[in-house]
Amino acid sequence: MAVTKAPEDRYTAEPFVPGHGGLTALREAAARCRGCPLHRDATQTVFGAGPADAELMLVGEQPGDQEDRQGEPFVGPAGKLLDRALAEAGIDPGEAYVTNAVKHFKFTQAEPRKRRIHKAPGLREAAACGPWLAAEQAIVEPKLIVVLGATAGKALLGSSFRVGQVRGTVPEEETHGRPQRLVPTVHPSAVLRADDREGAYRGFVRDLRTAARLLSQRSP
């Protein structure tokens, strides 16, 4: 099936997003998405997971090697660290909706049997997946979104986003046409790569505790 492009000659998932239905309908439709070239090499689409009425949505970059193989988000080493940090911050991981800005694994591979090396998605690929993220946000209607890293931030807030400048803050911004409270922080994979992993982990948990405090403040 040919890759679909918008009239402006940019990649987009928009023709594949159903006009009605819940998360199950979205997940089934996303499995057939051909909105950008990443589907050609990835094992499968990795859609979001979690309760449809979750107050908290966590948005990461893209699936990694394990996520691509298993078809679920945040099941690899970064996901395990995220679950531990959420629990330490006072958030039940099972009550959060987790997803990624890009739904296919982008990687490089020297030879077919060699290890697949993660490659960061570009702005065109994140923009192509934008309709899926917008649809997830519209259905879940989270009270709060935790933005995990630069790719997620740029997908939600534009190319000028810099996680180091805003992490741990609580801005209210318009994302996909709706006002949304956000807590930006680093991606858990950045914690795993940090020279001072323990210090990076403590900072990550501190940001997640900010999210926990906000979630505990019930609307009147």
N, C-alpha and C. Protein backbone atom coordinates (compact mmCIF):
# COMPACT_ATOMS: atom_id res chain seq x y z
N MET A 1 0.85 -1.19 0.00
CA MET A 1 0.00 0.00 0.00
C MET A 1 0.88 1.23 0.00
N ALA A 2 0.57 2.19 -0.81
CA ALA A 2 1.39 3.39 -0.94
C ALA A 2 1.28 4.26 0.30
N VAL A 3 2.36 4.96 0.62
CA VAL A 3 2.34 5.89 1.73
C VAL A 3 1.46 7.08 1.36
N THR A 4 0.55 7.44 2.25
CA THR A 4 -0.36 8.55 2.00
C THR A 4 0.29 9.85 2.39
N LYS A 5 0.15 10.85 1.54
CA LYS A 5 0.67 12.18 1.82
C LYS A 5 -0.46 13.19 1.77
N ALA A 6 -0.33 14.24 2.58
CA ALA A 6 -1.28 15.33 2.53
C ALA A 6 -1.01 16.17 1.29
N PRO A 7 -1.93 17.07 0.91
CA PRO A 7 -1.71 17.90 -0.27
C PRO A 7 -0.42 18.69 -0.23
N GLU A 8 0.03 19.05 0.99
CA GLU A 8 1.28 19.81 1.11
C GLU A 8 2.51 18.92 0.96
N ASP A 9 2.30 17.66 0.53
CA ASP A 9 3.38 16.71 0.33
C ASP A 9 4.10 16.39 1.64
N ARG A 10 3.33 16.30 2.71
CA ARG A 10 3.89 15.86 3.98
C ARG A 10 3.18 14.58 4.38
N TYR A 11 3.87 13.76 5.17
CA TYR A 11 3.28 12.52 5.63
C TYR A 11 2.21 12.80 6.68
N THR A 12 1.16 12.02 6.69
CA THR A 12 0.11 12.19 7.69
C THR A 12 -0.68 10.90 7.89
N ALA A 13 -1.06 10.65 9.12
CA ALA A 13 -1.90 9.50 9.46
C ALA A 13 -3.38 9.83 9.35
N GLU A 14 -3.70 11.07 9.07
CA GLU A 14 -5.10 11.52 9.13
C GLU A 14 -6.08 10.64 8.36
N PRO A 15 -5.77 10.18 7.14
CA PRO A 15 -6.75 9.35 6.42
C PRO A 15 -7.06 8.02 7.10
N PHE A 16 -6.20 7.60 8.03
CA PHE A 16 -6.38 6.30 8.67
C PHE A 16 -7.13 6.38 9.99
N VAL A 17 -7.31 7.59 10.53
CA VAL A 17 -7.94 7.77 11.84
C VAL A 17 -9.46 7.72 11.68
N PRO A 18 -10.14 6.80 12.38
CA PRO A 18 -11.60 6.70 12.25
C PRO A 18 -12.30 7.92 12.85
N GLY A 19 -13.44 8.24 12.29
CA GLY A 19 -14.17 9.42 12.74
C GLY A 19 -15.01 9.17 13.98
N HIS A 20 -15.12 7.92 14.43
CA HIS A 20 -15.91 7.60 15.61
C HIS A 20 -15.37 6.33 16.24
N GLY A 21 -15.85 6.03 17.44
CA GLY A 21 -15.37 4.85 18.15
C GLY A 21 -14.42 5.22 19.27
N GLY A 22 -14.16 4.29 20.15
CA GLY A 22 -13.30 4.52 21.29
C GLY A 22 -11.87 4.09 21.03
N LEU A 23 -11.15 3.82 22.12
CA LEU A 23 -9.75 3.46 22.01
C LEU A 23 -9.54 2.14 21.27
N THR A 24 -10.47 1.21 21.41
CA THR A 24 -10.33 -0.06 20.70
C THR A 24 -10.39 0.16 19.20
N ALA A 25 -11.31 1.00 18.75
CA ALA A 25 -11.41 1.31 17.32
C ALA A 25 -10.15 2.02 16.83
N LEU A 26 -9.61 2.91 17.64
CA LEU A 26 -8.38 3.61 17.27
C LEU A 26 -7.21 2.63 17.15
N ARG A 27 -7.09 1.75 18.14
CA ARG A 27 -5.99 0.78 18.13
C ARG A 27 -6.06 -0.11 16.90
N GLU A 28 -7.26 -0.58 16.56
CA GLU A 28 -7.42 -1.45 15.39
C GLU A 28 -7.09 -0.70 14.10
N ALA A 29 -7.51 0.56 14.01
CA ALA A 29 -7.22 1.35 12.82
C ALA A 29 -5.74 1.67 12.71
N ALA A 30 -5.11 1.96 13.86
CA ALA A 30 -3.68 2.30 13.85
C ALA A 30 -2.82 1.14 13.37
N ALA A 31 -3.30 -0.08 13.58
CA ALA A 31 -2.55 -1.26 13.13
C ALA A 31 -2.40 -1.28 11.61
N ARG A 32 -3.26 -0.55 10.92
CA ARG A 32 -3.22 -0.50 9.45
C ARG A 32 -2.65 0.82 8.93
N CYS A 33 -2.09 1.63 9.82
CA CYS A 33 -1.63 2.96 9.41
C CYS A 33 -0.41 2.87 8.48
N ARG A 34 -0.49 3.62 7.40
CA ARG A 34 0.61 3.73 6.45
C ARG A 34 0.93 5.21 6.19
N GLY A 35 0.74 6.02 7.22
CA GLY A 35 0.86 7.46 7.06
C GLY A 35 2.26 8.00 6.94
N CYS A 36 3.28 7.19 7.23
CA CYS A 36 4.66 7.60 7.03
C CYS A 36 5.48 6.34 6.77
N PRO A 37 6.72 6.47 6.31
CA PRO A 37 7.50 5.28 5.93
C PRO A 37 7.91 4.37 7.08
N LEU A 38 7.76 4.78 8.33
CA LEU A 38 8.27 3.96 9.43
C LEU A 38 7.59 2.60 9.53
N HIS A 39 6.38 2.47 9.01
CA HIS A 39 5.67 1.19 9.10
C HIS A 39 6.38 0.09 8.30
N ARG A 40 7.21 0.49 7.34
CA ARG A 40 7.81 -0.50 6.44
C ARG A 40 8.78 -1.42 7.17
N ASP A 41 9.53 -0.90 8.12
CA ASP A 41 10.56 -1.69 8.81
C ASP A 41 10.13 -2.15 10.20
N ALA A 42 9.19 -1.45 10.81
CA ALA A 42 8.75 -1.82 12.16
C ALA A 42 7.98 -3.13 12.14
N THR A 43 8.01 -3.85 13.24
CA THR A 43 7.27 -5.10 13.35
C THR A 43 5.77 -4.85 13.34
N GLN A 44 5.35 -3.79 14.04
CA GLN A 44 3.93 -3.50 14.18
C GLN A 44 3.74 -2.10 14.74
N THR A 45 2.51 -1.61 14.65
CA THR A 45 2.15 -0.37 15.32
C THR A 45 2.09 -0.62 16.82
N VAL A 46 2.63 0.31 17.59
CA VAL A 46 2.54 0.22 19.05
C VAL A 46 1.67 1.37 19.52
N PHE A 47 0.41 1.06 19.83
CA PHE A 47 -0.54 2.09 20.23
C PHE A 47 -0.49 2.29 21.74
N GLY A 48 -1.22 3.29 22.23
CA GLY A 48 -1.27 3.57 23.65
C GLY A 48 -2.00 2.49 24.41
N ALA A 49 -1.86 2.51 25.75
CA ALA A 49 -2.49 1.52 26.61
C ALA A 49 -2.85 2.16 27.94
N GLY A 50 -3.97 1.69 28.50
CA GLY A 50 -4.40 2.20 29.79
C GLY A 50 -5.87 2.50 29.80
N PRO A 51 -6.39 2.93 30.95
CA PRO A 51 -7.82 3.20 31.08
C PRO A 51 -8.27 4.35 30.18
N ALA A 52 -9.45 4.20 29.59
CA ALA A 52 -10.00 5.25 28.72
C ALA A 52 -10.41 6.48 29.50
N ASP A 53 -10.56 6.35 30.82
CA ASP A 53 -10.95 7.49 31.65
C ASP A 53 -9.81 7.93 32.57
N ALA A 54 -8.58 7.63 32.19
CA ALA A 54 -7.43 7.97 33.03
C ALA A 54 -7.31 9.47 33.23
N GLU A 55 -7.02 9.89 34.46
CA GLU A 55 -6.78 11.30 34.73
C GLU A 55 -5.40 11.72 34.25
N LEU A 56 -4.48 10.77 34.18
CA LEU A 56 -3.10 11.06 33.80
C LEU A 56 -2.76 10.37 32.49
N MET A 57 -2.21 11.14 31.55
CA MET A 57 -1.67 10.60 30.32
C MET A 57 -0.17 10.87 30.30
N LEU A 58 0.60 9.85 29.97
CA LEU A 58 2.05 10.00 29.81
C LEU A 58 2.38 9.83 28.34
N VAL A 59 3.08 10.80 27.78
CA VAL A 59 3.42 10.78 26.35
C VAL A 59 4.93 10.72 26.20
N GLY A 60 5.41 9.63 25.59
CA GLY A 60 6.83 9.48 25.34
C GLY A 60 7.18 9.72 23.89
N GLU A 61 8.34 9.24 23.48
CA GLU A 61 8.86 9.51 22.15
C GLU A 61 8.33 8.52 21.11
N GLN A 62 8.77 7.29 21.21
CA GLN A 62 8.40 6.25 20.25
C GLN A 62 8.64 4.89 20.91
N PRO A 63 8.09 3.81 20.38
CA PRO A 63 8.39 2.49 20.94
C PRO A 63 9.86 2.13 20.72
N GLY A 64 10.40 1.35 21.64
CA GLY A 64 11.74 0.83 21.48
C GLY A 64 11.72 -0.59 20.95
N ASP A 65 12.85 -1.27 21.03
CA ASP A 65 12.97 -2.61 20.48
C ASP A 65 11.97 -3.58 21.10
N GLN A 66 11.89 -3.60 22.43
CA GLN A 66 10.99 -4.53 23.10
C GLN A 66 9.53 -4.18 22.85
N GLU A 67 9.23 -2.89 22.84
CA GLU A 67 7.85 -2.47 22.57
C GLU A 67 7.44 -2.87 21.16
N ASP A 68 8.35 -2.72 20.21
CA ASP A 68 8.07 -3.09 18.82
C ASP A 68 7.79 -4.59 18.70
N ARG A 69 8.50 -5.39 19.46
CA ARG A 69 8.32 -6.84 19.39
C ARG A 69 7.03 -7.29 20.11
N GLN A 70 6.71 -6.62 21.23
CA GLN A 70 5.57 -7.05 22.04
C GLN A 70 4.27 -6.32 21.69
N GLY A 71 4.37 -5.17 21.02
CA GLY A 71 3.18 -4.45 20.61
C GLY A 71 2.53 -3.62 21.70
N GLU A 72 3.25 -3.35 22.79
CA GLU A 72 2.73 -2.55 23.89
C GLU A 72 3.75 -1.48 24.27
N PRO A 73 3.28 -0.30 24.70
CA PRO A 73 4.22 0.77 25.04
C PRO A 73 4.86 0.58 26.41
N PHE A 74 6.09 1.03 26.55
CA PHE A 74 6.81 1.08 27.82
C PHE A 74 6.89 -0.28 28.53
N VAL A 75 7.31 -1.29 27.79
CA VAL A 75 7.52 -2.61 28.39
C VAL A 75 9.00 -2.97 28.45
N GLY A 76 9.86 -2.11 27.92
CA GLY A 76 11.30 -2.35 27.96
C GLY A 76 11.93 -1.74 29.20
N PRO A 77 13.25 -1.59 29.23
CA PRO A 77 13.94 -1.06 30.41
C PRO A 77 13.45 0.33 30.82
N ALA A 78 13.19 1.22 29.86
CA ALA A 78 12.70 2.56 30.21
C ALA A 78 11.32 2.47 30.85
N GLY A 79 10.49 1.56 30.36
CA GLY A 79 9.17 1.39 30.93
C GLY A 79 9.22 0.87 32.36
N LYS A 80 10.12 -0.04 32.62
CA LYS A 80 10.26 -0.57 33.98
C LYS A 80 10.72 0.53 34.93
N LEU A 81 11.65 1.38 34.47
CA LEU A 81 12.08 2.50 35.30
C LEU A 81 10.93 3.47 35.52
N LEU A 82 10.14 3.72 34.48
CA LEU A 82 8.99 4.63 34.60
C LEU A 82 8.00 4.12 35.64
N ASP A 83 7.68 2.83 35.60
CA ASP A 83 6.74 2.27 36.57
C ASP A 83 7.26 2.42 37.99
N ARG A 84 8.55 2.18 38.17
CA ARG A 84 9.13 2.31 39.51
C ARG A 84 9.08 3.75 39.99
N ALA A 85 9.39 4.69 39.10
CA ALA A 85 9.38 6.10 39.48
C ALA A 85 7.96 6.59 39.76
N LEU A 86 6.99 6.14 38.97
CA LEU A 86 5.60 6.52 39.22
C LEU A 86 5.15 6.04 40.60
N ALA A 87 5.43 4.79 40.90
CA ALA A 87 5.04 4.24 42.20
C ALA A 87 5.70 5.00 43.34
N GLU A 88 6.97 5.34 43.17
CA GLU A 88 7.67 6.09 44.21
C GLU A 88 7.10 7.48 44.38
N ALA A 89 6.57 8.05 43.30
CA ALA A 89 5.97 9.38 43.35
C ALA A 89 4.54 9.35 43.87
N GLY A 90 3.98 8.16 44.08
CA GLY A 90 2.63 8.05 44.59
C GLY A 90 1.57 7.92 43.53
N ILE A 91 1.95 7.48 42.33
CA ILE A 91 1.02 7.30 41.23
C ILE A 91 0.96 5.82 40.87
N ASP A 92 -0.24 5.27 40.79
CA ASP A 92 -0.41 3.88 40.38
C ASP A 92 -0.21 3.79 38.87
N PRO A 93 0.83 3.09 38.39
CA PRO A 93 1.06 3.00 36.94
C PRO A 93 -0.14 2.44 36.19
N GLY A 94 -0.90 1.55 36.82
CA GLY A 94 -2.04 0.94 36.17
C GLY A 94 -3.20 1.89 35.93
N GLU A 95 -3.17 3.07 36.58
CA GLU A 95 -4.24 4.04 36.42
C GLU A 95 -3.90 5.12 35.40
N ALA A 96 -2.72 5.04 34.80
CA ALA A 96 -2.30 6.04 33.82
C ALA A 96 -2.48 5.50 32.40
N TYR A 97 -2.71 6.39 31.46
CA TYR A 97 -2.74 6.03 30.04
C TYR A 97 -1.38 6.40 29.47
N VAL A 98 -0.68 5.44 28.90
CA VAL A 98 0.67 5.68 28.37
C VAL A 98 0.66 5.51 26.86
N THR A 99 1.35 6.41 26.19
CA THR A 99 1.42 6.35 24.74
C THR A 99 2.69 7.05 24.27
N ASN A 100 2.87 7.10 22.97
CA ASN A 100 4.04 7.75 22.38
C ASN A 100 3.62 8.71 21.29
N ALA A 101 4.46 9.71 21.05
CA ALA A 101 4.18 10.66 19.98
C ALA A 101 4.25 9.98 18.62
N VAL A 102 5.13 8.99 18.48
CA VAL A 102 5.31 8.23 17.24
C VAL A 102 5.00 6.76 17.54
N LYS A 103 4.22 6.13 16.69
CA LYS A 103 3.69 4.80 16.99
C LYS A 103 4.49 3.65 16.37
N HIS A 104 5.50 3.94 15.58
CA HIS A 104 6.35 2.89 15.01
C HIS A 104 7.79 3.09 15.44
N PHE A 105 8.50 2.00 15.58
CA PHE A 105 9.90 2.00 16.00
C PHE A 105 10.79 2.43 14.83
N LYS A 106 11.58 3.46 15.06
CA LYS A 106 12.55 3.91 14.07
C LYS A 106 13.94 3.47 14.54
N PHE A 107 14.68 2.82 13.65
CA PHE A 107 15.96 2.26 14.06
C PHE A 107 16.91 2.15 12.87
N THR A 108 18.16 1.92 13.19
CA THR A 108 19.16 1.57 12.19
C THR A 108 19.65 0.16 12.51
N GLN A 109 20.12 -0.53 11.47
CA GLN A 109 20.57 -1.92 11.64
C GLN A 109 21.63 -2.21 10.59
N ALA A 110 22.85 -2.49 11.02
CA ALA A 110 23.94 -2.71 10.09
C ALA A 110 23.70 -3.94 9.22
N GLU A 111 23.21 -5.02 9.83
CA GLU A 111 22.91 -6.26 9.12
C GLU A 111 21.63 -6.85 9.69
N PRO A 112 20.92 -7.67 8.92
CA PRO A 112 19.63 -8.20 9.38
C PRO A 112 19.67 -8.86 10.75
N ARG A 113 20.76 -9.55 11.09
CA ARG A 113 20.81 -10.25 12.37
C ARG A 113 21.44 -9.43 13.48
N LYS A 114 21.88 -8.23 13.17
CA LYS A 114 22.50 -7.37 14.16
C LYS A 114 21.44 -6.69 15.01
N ARG A 115 21.88 -6.14 16.15
CA ARG A 115 20.97 -5.44 17.05
C ARG A 115 20.42 -4.19 16.38
N ARG A 116 19.16 -3.92 16.61
CA ARG A 116 18.52 -2.73 16.07
C ARG A 116 18.81 -1.54 17.00
N ILE A 117 19.33 -0.47 16.44
CA ILE A 117 19.73 0.70 17.22
C ILE A 117 18.68 1.79 17.08
N HIS A 118 18.16 2.23 18.21
CA HIS A 118 17.16 3.29 18.24
C HIS A 118 17.65 4.53 17.49
N LYS A 119 16.78 5.12 16.72
CA LYS A 119 17.06 6.37 16.01
C LYS A 119 15.92 7.33 16.28
N ALA A 120 16.23 8.53 16.72
CA ALA A 120 15.18 9.48 17.10
C ALA A 120 14.32 9.84 15.90
N PRO A 121 13.00 9.86 16.06
CA PRO A 121 12.12 10.27 14.97
C PRO A 121 12.26 11.76 14.70
N GLY A 122 12.02 12.15 13.45
CA GLY A 122 12.09 13.55 13.07
C GLY A 122 10.76 14.24 13.24
N LEU A 123 10.76 15.56 13.01
CA LEU A 123 9.54 16.34 13.16
C LEU A 123 8.46 15.91 12.17
N ARG A 124 8.86 15.51 10.96
CA ARG A 124 7.86 15.08 9.97
C ARG A 124 7.14 13.82 10.44
N GLU A 125 7.88 12.91 11.06
CA GLU A 125 7.29 11.66 11.53
C GLU A 125 6.39 11.91 12.74
N ALA A 126 6.83 12.78 13.64
CA ALA A 126 5.99 13.12 14.78
C ALA A 126 4.72 13.83 14.32
N ALA A 127 4.85 14.71 13.34
CA ALA A 127 3.68 15.41 12.81
C ALA A 127 2.73 14.44 12.13
N ALA A 128 3.29 13.45 11.42
CA ALA A 128 2.45 12.45 10.75
C ALA A 128 1.60 11.68 11.75
N CYS A 129 2.17 11.38 12.92
CA CYS A 129 1.45 10.64 13.96
C CYS A 129 0.55 11.53 14.80
N GLY A 130 0.63 12.84 14.62
CA GLY A 130 -0.14 13.77 15.43
C GLY A 130 -1.63 13.46 15.50
N PRO A 131 -2.27 13.07 14.39
CA PRO A 131 -3.71 12.75 14.47
C PRO A 131 -4.04 11.61 15.43
N TRP A 132 -3.14 10.63 15.57
CA TRP A 132 -3.38 9.56 16.54
C TRP A 132 -3.33 10.10 17.96
N LEU A 133 -2.32 10.89 18.26
CA LEU A 133 -2.18 11.46 19.60
C LEU A 133 -3.35 12.38 19.93
N ALA A 134 -3.78 13.17 18.94
CA ALA A 134 -4.93 14.05 19.15
C ALA A 134 -6.19 13.25 19.44
N ALA A 135 -6.37 12.13 18.73
CA ALA A 135 -7.55 11.29 18.95
C ALA A 135 -7.51 10.63 20.32
N GLU A 136 -6.34 10.18 20.75
CA GLU A 136 -6.21 9.60 22.09
C GLU A 136 -6.56 10.64 23.16
N GLN A 137 -6.02 11.83 22.99
CA GLN A 137 -6.28 12.89 23.97
C GLN A 137 -7.77 13.24 24.02
N ALA A 138 -8.42 13.26 22.86
CA ALA A 138 -9.85 13.60 22.80
C ALA A 138 -10.71 12.56 23.50
N ILE A 139 -10.33 11.30 23.41
CA ILE A 139 -11.12 10.23 24.04
C ILE A 139 -10.83 10.14 25.54
N VAL A 140 -9.58 10.15 25.92
CA VAL A 140 -9.22 9.99 27.32
C VAL A 140 -9.57 11.24 28.14
N GLU A 141 -9.37 12.41 27.55
CA GLU A 141 -9.60 13.69 28.23
C GLU A 141 -8.88 13.72 29.58
N PRO A 142 -7.57 13.58 29.58
CA PRO A 142 -6.84 13.52 30.85
C PRO A 142 -6.88 14.86 31.59
N LYS A 143 -6.81 14.76 32.89
CA LYS A 143 -6.69 15.96 33.72
C LYS A 143 -5.30 16.57 33.55
N LEU A 144 -4.32 15.72 33.28
CA LEU A 144 -2.93 16.14 33.23
C LEU A 144 -2.16 15.27 32.25
N ILE A 145 -1.23 15.87 31.51
CA ILE A 145 -0.32 15.12 30.66
C ILE A 145 1.10 15.32 31.16
N VAL A 146 1.80 14.22 31.41
CA VAL A 146 3.24 14.28 31.69
C VAL A 146 3.95 14.08 30.36
N VAL A 147 4.75 15.07 29.99
CA VAL A 147 5.46 15.08 28.71
C VAL A 147 6.85 14.51 28.94
N LEU A 148 7.11 13.34 28.36
CA LEU A 148 8.37 12.64 28.61
C LEU A 148 9.37 12.91 27.48
N GLY A 149 10.15 13.96 27.63
CA GLY A 149 11.22 14.22 26.69
C GLY A 149 10.89 15.18 25.57
N ALA A 150 11.93 15.47 24.78
CA ALA A 150 11.85 16.52 23.76
C ALA A 150 10.92 16.17 22.61
N THR A 151 10.95 14.93 22.13
CA THR A 151 10.11 14.57 20.98
C THR A 151 8.63 14.72 21.33
N ALA A 152 8.24 14.24 22.50
CA ALA A 152 6.85 14.39 22.93
C ALA A 152 6.49 15.86 23.09
N GLY A 153 7.40 16.63 23.67
CA GLY A 153 7.13 18.06 23.85
C GLY A 153 6.95 18.79 22.54
N LYS A 154 7.79 18.48 21.57
CA LYS A 154 7.67 19.14 20.27
C LYS A 154 6.40 18.71 19.55
N ALA A 155 6.01 17.44 19.73
CA ALA A 155 4.79 16.95 19.10
C ALA A 155 3.56 17.66 19.66
N LEU A 156 3.59 17.96 20.96
CA LEU A 156 2.45 18.60 21.60
C LEU A 156 2.48 20.12 21.54
N LEU A 157 3.69 20.69 21.60
CA LEU A 157 3.80 22.14 21.81
C LEU A 157 4.58 22.87 20.73
N GLY A 158 5.14 22.16 19.77
CA GLY A 158 5.86 22.83 18.70
C GLY A 158 7.36 22.68 18.79
N SER A 159 8.03 23.04 17.72
CA SER A 159 9.47 22.78 17.58
C SER A 159 10.34 23.59 18.52
N SER A 160 9.81 24.65 19.13
CA SER A 160 10.61 25.47 20.04
C SER A 160 10.70 24.88 21.45
N PHE A 161 10.00 23.77 21.70
CA PHE A 161 10.01 23.17 23.03
C PHE A 161 11.41 22.71 23.41
N ARG A 162 11.82 23.03 24.63
CA ARG A 162 13.10 22.59 25.18
C ARG A 162 12.86 22.06 26.59
N VAL A 163 13.02 20.77 26.77
CA VAL A 163 12.66 20.16 28.04
C VAL A 163 13.48 20.72 29.19
N GLY A 164 14.73 21.04 28.96
CA GLY A 164 15.56 21.57 30.02
C GLY A 164 15.11 22.91 30.55
N GLN A 165 14.39 23.67 29.75
CA GLN A 165 13.94 24.99 30.14
C GLN A 165 12.65 24.96 30.95
N VAL A 166 11.86 23.90 30.79
CA VAL A 166 10.52 23.90 31.39
C VAL A 166 10.22 22.70 32.26
N ARG A 167 11.14 21.77 32.42
CA ARG A 167 10.84 20.53 33.15
C ARG A 167 10.42 20.85 34.58
N GLY A 168 9.43 20.11 35.05
CA GLY A 168 8.95 20.27 36.40
C GLY A 168 7.96 21.40 36.59
N THR A 169 7.73 22.22 35.56
CA THR A 169 6.77 23.31 35.66
C THR A 169 5.37 22.78 35.36
N VAL A 170 4.37 23.63 35.55
CA VAL A 170 2.99 23.22 35.32
C VAL A 170 2.29 24.24 34.43
N PRO A 171 2.65 24.30 33.16
CA PRO A 171 1.97 25.23 32.27
C PRO A 171 0.62 24.69 31.83
N GLU A 172 -0.26 25.59 31.44
CA GLU A 172 -1.48 25.19 30.74
C GLU A 172 -1.37 25.71 29.32
N GLU A 173 -1.35 24.80 28.38
CA GLU A 173 -1.15 25.14 26.98
C GLU A 173 -2.27 24.54 26.15
N GLU A 174 -2.43 25.06 24.95
CA GLU A 174 -3.38 24.46 24.02
C GLU A 174 -2.67 23.36 23.25
N THR A 175 -3.17 22.14 23.35
CA THR A 175 -2.62 21.02 22.61
C THR A 175 -3.75 20.37 21.81
N HIS A 176 -3.55 20.30 20.52
CA HIS A 176 -4.56 19.73 19.62
C HIS A 176 -5.92 20.40 19.80
N GLY A 177 -5.87 21.74 19.97
CA GLY A 177 -7.10 22.52 20.00
C GLY A 177 -7.83 22.54 21.32
N ARG A 178 -7.20 22.04 22.40
CA ARG A 178 -7.87 22.03 23.69
C ARG A 178 -6.90 22.46 24.78
N PRO A 179 -7.37 23.23 25.78
CA PRO A 179 -6.48 23.61 26.88
C PRO A 179 -6.11 22.39 27.69
N GLN A 180 -4.84 22.33 28.09
CA GLN A 180 -4.36 21.13 28.77
C GLN A 180 -3.26 21.50 29.76
N ARG A 181 -3.34 20.97 30.97
CA ARG A 181 -2.27 21.15 31.94
C ARG A 181 -1.19 20.09 31.69
N LEU A 182 0.06 20.52 31.79
CA LEU A 182 1.19 19.68 31.43
C LEU A 182 2.27 19.74 32.51
N VAL A 183 2.96 18.62 32.67
CA VAL A 183 4.19 18.59 33.47
C VAL A 183 5.28 18.01 32.58
N PRO A 184 6.16 18.85 32.04
CA PRO A 184 7.26 18.33 31.21
C PRO A 184 8.39 17.76 32.08
N THR A 185 8.98 16.68 31.62
CA THR A 185 10.14 16.10 32.28
C THR A 185 10.96 15.35 31.24
N VAL A 186 12.03 14.72 31.69
CA VAL A 186 12.88 13.96 30.78
C VAL A 186 12.23 12.62 30.46
N HIS A 187 12.71 11.99 29.41
CA HIS A 187 12.27 10.63 29.09
C HIS A 187 13.02 9.67 30.01
N PRO A 188 12.36 8.61 30.46
CA PRO A 188 13.08 7.67 31.35
C PRO A 188 14.32 7.06 30.73
N SER A 189 14.39 6.95 29.41
CA SER A 189 15.61 6.44 28.79
C SER A 189 16.78 7.38 29.01
N ALA A 190 16.50 8.68 29.16
CA ALA A 190 17.57 9.64 29.46
C ALA A 190 18.14 9.40 30.85
N VAL A 191 17.29 8.96 31.77
CA VAL A 191 17.77 8.61 33.11
C VAL A 191 18.70 7.41 33.03
N LEU A 192 18.34 6.43 32.21
CA LEU A 192 19.17 5.23 32.07
C LEU A 192 20.53 5.55 31.44
N ARG A 193 20.57 6.58 30.61
CA ARG A 193 21.84 6.95 29.94
C ARG A 193 22.68 7.93 30.75
N ALA A 194 22.13 8.50 31.81
CA ALA A 194 22.81 9.55 32.55
C ALA A 194 24.08 9.04 33.24
N ASP A 195 25.10 9.89 33.28
CA ASP A 195 26.32 9.54 34.01
C ASP A 195 26.02 9.39 35.50
N ASP A 196 25.24 10.33 36.04
CA ASP A 196 24.80 10.26 37.42
C ASP A 196 23.37 9.72 37.42
N ARG A 197 23.25 8.42 37.28
CA ARG A 197 21.92 7.83 37.12
C ARG A 197 21.06 8.05 38.35
N GLU A 198 21.65 7.94 39.54
CA GLU A 198 20.86 8.10 40.76
C GLU A 198 20.33 9.54 40.88
N GLY A 199 21.19 10.51 40.56
CA GLY A 199 20.74 11.90 40.61
C GLY A 199 19.66 12.18 39.57
N ALA A 200 19.84 11.63 38.38
CA ALA A 200 18.85 11.81 37.32
C ALA A 200 17.52 11.17 37.72
N TYR A 201 17.59 10.01 38.37
CA TYR A 201 16.38 9.33 38.80
C TYR A 201 15.65 10.15 39.87
N ARG A 202 16.39 10.71 40.81
CA ARG A 202 15.76 11.53 41.86
C ARG A 202 15.06 12.75 41.24
N GLY A 203 15.69 13.37 40.26
CA GLY A 203 15.06 14.51 39.60
C GLY A 203 13.80 14.11 38.85
N PHE A 204 13.83 12.93 38.24
CA PHE A 204 12.68 12.42 37.51
C PHE A 204 11.51 12.17 38.47
N VAL A 205 11.79 11.52 39.60
CA VAL A 205 10.75 11.27 40.60
C VAL A 205 10.20 12.59 41.13
N ARG A 206 11.05 13.57 41.32
CA ARG A 206 10.60 14.88 41.81
C ARG A 206 9.58 15.50 40.84
N ASP A 207 9.84 15.41 39.55
CA ASP A 207 8.90 15.92 38.56
C ASP A 207 7.58 15.16 38.62
N LEU A 208 7.66 13.83 38.77
CA LEU A 208 6.44 13.02 38.83
C LEU A 208 5.65 13.31 40.11
N ARG A 209 6.33 13.69 41.19
CA ARG A 209 5.62 14.07 42.41
C ARG A 209 4.84 15.36 42.20
N THR A 210 5.35 16.24 41.36
CA THR A 210 4.59 17.43 41.00
C THR A 210 3.28 17.03 40.33
N ALA A 211 3.36 16.05 39.42
CA ALA A 211 2.15 15.55 38.76
C ALA A 211 1.21 14.91 39.78
N ALA A 212 1.76 14.15 40.73
CA ALA A 212 0.92 13.50 41.74
C ALA A 212 0.17 14.52 42.59
N ARG A 213 0.84 15.61 42.95
CA ARG A 213 0.17 16.65 43.74
C ARG A 213 -0.99 17.26 42.96
N LEU A 214 -0.78 17.50 41.69
CA LEU A 214 -1.84 18.08 40.87
C LEU A 214 -3.03 17.12 40.75
N LEU A 215 -2.75 15.84 40.60
CA LEU A 215 -3.82 14.86 40.46
C LEU A 215 -4.61 14.72 41.75
N SER A 216 -3.99 15.00 42.87
CA SER A 216 -4.68 14.88 44.16
C SER A 216 -5.60 16.07 44.42
N GLN A 217 -5.43 17.14 43.64
CA GLN A 217 -6.28 18.32 43.79
C GLN A 217 -7.53 18.16 42.95
N ARG A 218 -8.57 17.63 43.53
CA ARG A 218 -9.80 17.34 42.80
C ARG A 218 -10.50 18.63 42.42
N SER A 219 -11.11 18.59 41.23
CA SER A 219 -11.89 19.74 40.78
C SER A 219 -13.13 19.87 41.66
N PRO A 220 -13.58 21.12 41.94
CA PRO A 220 -14.76 21.30 42.77
C PRO A 220 -16.01 20.80 42.06
